[in-house]
Amino acid sequence: MESRERFSRYAYAAVAWLFVAGILMQVFLIGLTFLGGRPSLQTHAGLGHGLAIAPLLMVVLAYTGRLPSPMKPFTWLALVVYVLLADVVIFLRGSAPIIAALHPVLAVLLFGVAGFLAVRAWRLVREVRTAVLVKSPAV
């Protein structure tokens, strides 16, 4: 495996875990707004839109890192769910509130997909690292 591919896999794993952490932070921020009595809805929205870079970057890294199936399709799924969550469903509050209510459901789905990808990426990086260590001659 060439170094660019290895770098992409490590970067993918790091971005995937940061994405999972960002989703958890989103849950905390909305909980702080509704249950903690501290208005942080703007922070929640700002972080939510800032998280867009993660699934976009993951799509690129999935290809440069030559990730195996089913990681590429699931990475695309994460991007599609993110776009629905952050850029489609939430803006239907006024015109279609029942559809807008899918926002937290999509967030749970996204958390599951992102978590799956992060775990798979971590395993993939560890397998490659173990293979490299096994192939290295003892000094």
Protein backbone atom coordinates (compact mmCIF):
# COMPACT_ATOMS: atom_id res chain seq x y z
CA MET A 1 0.00 0.00 0.00
CA GLU A 2 1.39 3.38 -0.94
CA SER A 3 1.83 6.17 1.59
CA ARG A 4 -0.92 8.36 0.06
CA GLU A 5 -3.43 5.56 0.48
CA ARG A 6 -2.29 4.89 4.04
CA PHE A 7 -2.47 8.61 4.89
CA SER A 8 -6.00 8.78 3.44
CA ARG A 9 -7.11 5.86 5.57
CA TYR A 10 -5.70 7.39 8.75
CA ALA A 11 -7.27 10.75 7.85
CA TYR A 12 -10.60 9.05 7.11
CA ALA A 13 -10.57 7.36 10.52
CA ALA A 14 -9.74 10.64 12.28
CA VAL A 15 -12.42 12.60 10.43
CA ALA A 16 -14.99 9.86 11.02
CA TRP A 17 -14.36 9.91 14.78
CA LEU A 18 -14.47 13.72 14.83
CA PHE A 19 -17.79 13.53 12.98
CA VAL A 20 -19.17 11.14 15.62
CA ALA A 21 -17.94 13.49 18.36
CA GLY A 22 -19.54 16.44 16.56
CA ILE A 23 -22.88 14.65 16.38
CA LEU A 24 -22.69 13.92 20.13
CA MET A 25 -21.88 17.58 20.76
CA GLN A 26 -24.98 18.51 18.75
CA VAL A 27 -27.10 16.34 21.07
CA PHE A 28 -25.52 18.03 24.09
CA LEU A 29 -26.15 21.51 22.69
CA ILE A 30 -29.81 20.87 21.93
CA GLY A 31 -30.22 19.29 25.35
CA LEU A 32 -28.63 22.37 26.88
CA THR A 33 -31.17 24.52 25.05
CA PHE A 34 -34.29 22.56 25.95
CA LEU A 35 -33.37 21.00 29.29
CA GLY A 36 -30.55 23.11 30.67
CA GLY A 37 -32.23 26.46 30.31
CA ARG A 38 -29.33 27.91 28.36
CA PRO A 39 -30.06 29.20 24.89
CA SER A 40 -27.62 27.50 22.55
CA LEU A 41 -29.81 26.93 19.51
CA GLN A 42 -27.61 29.22 17.38
CA THR A 43 -24.52 27.30 18.47
CA HIS A 44 -26.30 24.03 17.63
CA ALA A 45 -27.19 25.32 14.16
CA GLY A 46 -23.71 26.77 13.57
CA LEU A 47 -21.92 23.58 14.58
CA GLY A 48 -24.39 21.54 12.54
CA HIS A 49 -23.56 23.46 9.39
CA GLY A 50 -19.86 23.37 10.23
CA LEU A 51 -19.99 19.58 10.39
CA ALA A 52 -20.73 19.51 6.64
CA ILE A 53 -17.03 19.34 5.90
CA ALA A 54 -16.69 15.95 7.60
CA PRO A 55 -18.89 13.80 5.31
CA LEU A 56 -17.61 15.68 2.24
CA LEU A 57 -14.02 15.02 3.24
CA MET A 58 -14.87 11.41 4.09
CA VAL A 59 -16.20 10.83 0.56
CA VAL A 60 -12.93 12.08 -0.94
CA LEU A 61 -10.80 10.11 1.52
CA ALA A 62 -12.84 6.94 0.92
CA TYR A 63 -11.68 6.99 -2.70
CA THR A 64 -8.10 8.16 -2.19
CA GLY A 65 -7.74 5.57 0.57
CA ARG A 66 -9.33 2.86 -1.59
CA LEU A 67 -11.61 1.80 1.23
CA PRO A 68 -13.28 -1.57 0.86
CA SER A 69 -17.00 -2.26 0.59
CA PRO A 70 -19.33 -1.39 2.19
CA MET A 71 -17.50 1.71 3.39
CA LYS A 72 -17.83 3.77 0.20
CA PRO A 73 -21.62 3.36 -0.14
CA PHE A 74 -22.09 3.97 3.58
CA THR A 75 -19.95 7.09 3.35
CA TRP A 76 -22.23 8.37 0.58
CA LEU A 77 -25.21 7.44 2.78
CA ALA A 78 -23.75 9.54 5.60
CA LEU A 79 -23.43 12.51 3.24
CA VAL A 80 -27.00 12.11 1.94
CA VAL A 81 -28.45 11.77 5.44
CA TYR A 82 -26.46 14.80 6.57
CA VAL A 83 -27.78 16.91 3.67
CA LEU A 84 -31.35 15.81 4.37
CA LEU A 85 -30.90 16.53 8.07
CA ALA A 86 -29.16 19.88 7.90
CA ASP A 87 -30.27 21.38 4.61
CA VAL A 88 -33.68 19.96 3.73
CA VAL A 89 -35.82 18.65 6.57
CA ILE A 90 -35.07 21.39 9.11
CA PHE A 91 -36.19 24.11 6.71
CA LEU A 92 -39.64 22.54 6.37
CA ARG A 93 -40.68 23.58 9.90
CA GLY A 94 -43.18 26.12 8.68
CA SER A 95 -44.58 24.35 5.64
CA ALA A 96 -44.37 20.68 6.66
CA PRO A 97 -43.78 20.32 10.40
CA ILE A 98 -44.40 16.57 10.37
CA ILE A 99 -41.56 16.12 7.88
CA ALA A 100 -39.40 18.53 9.90
CA ALA A 101 -39.96 16.26 12.90
CA LEU A 102 -37.73 13.75 11.11
CA HIS A 103 -34.74 15.94 12.03
CA PRO A 104 -33.91 14.06 15.28
CA VAL A 105 -34.69 10.70 13.66
CA LEU A 106 -32.20 11.45 10.89
CA ALA A 107 -29.68 12.54 13.53
CA VAL A 108 -29.96 9.14 15.23
CA LEU A 109 -29.58 7.41 11.86
CA LEU A 110 -26.57 9.58 11.02
CA PHE A 111 -24.98 8.79 14.38
CA GLY A 112 -25.35 5.08 13.67
CA VAL A 113 -23.91 5.31 10.17
CA ALA A 114 -21.05 7.56 11.28
CA GLY A 115 -20.29 5.28 14.22
CA PHE A 116 -20.25 2.23 11.95
CA LEU A 117 -17.85 4.00 9.58
CA ALA A 118 -15.59 5.19 12.39
CA VAL A 119 -15.30 1.70 13.88
CA ARG A 120 -14.68 0.11 10.47
CA ALA A 121 -12.07 2.73 9.61
CA TRP A 122 -10.29 2.21 12.93
CA ARG A 123 -10.24 -1.56 12.37
CA LEU A 124 -8.94 -1.07 8.83
CA VAL A 125 -6.12 1.20 10.02
CA ARG A 126 -5.20 -1.28 12.77
CA GLU A 127 -5.18 -4.21 10.32
CA VAL A 128 -2.88 -2.35 7.96
CA ARG A 129 -0.63 -1.28 10.82
CA THR A 130 -0.44 -4.86 12.11
CA ALA A 131 0.35 -6.15 8.62
CA VAL A 132 3.14 -3.60 8.23
CA LEU A 133 4.61 -4.52 11.61
CA VAL A 134 4.47 -8.24 10.80
CA LYS A 135 6.20 -7.71 7.43
CA SER A 136 8.98 -5.59 8.94
CA PRO A 137 12.17 -7.57 9.54
CA ALA A 138 13.37 -7.73 13.12
CA VAL A 139 16.35 -5.53 13.81
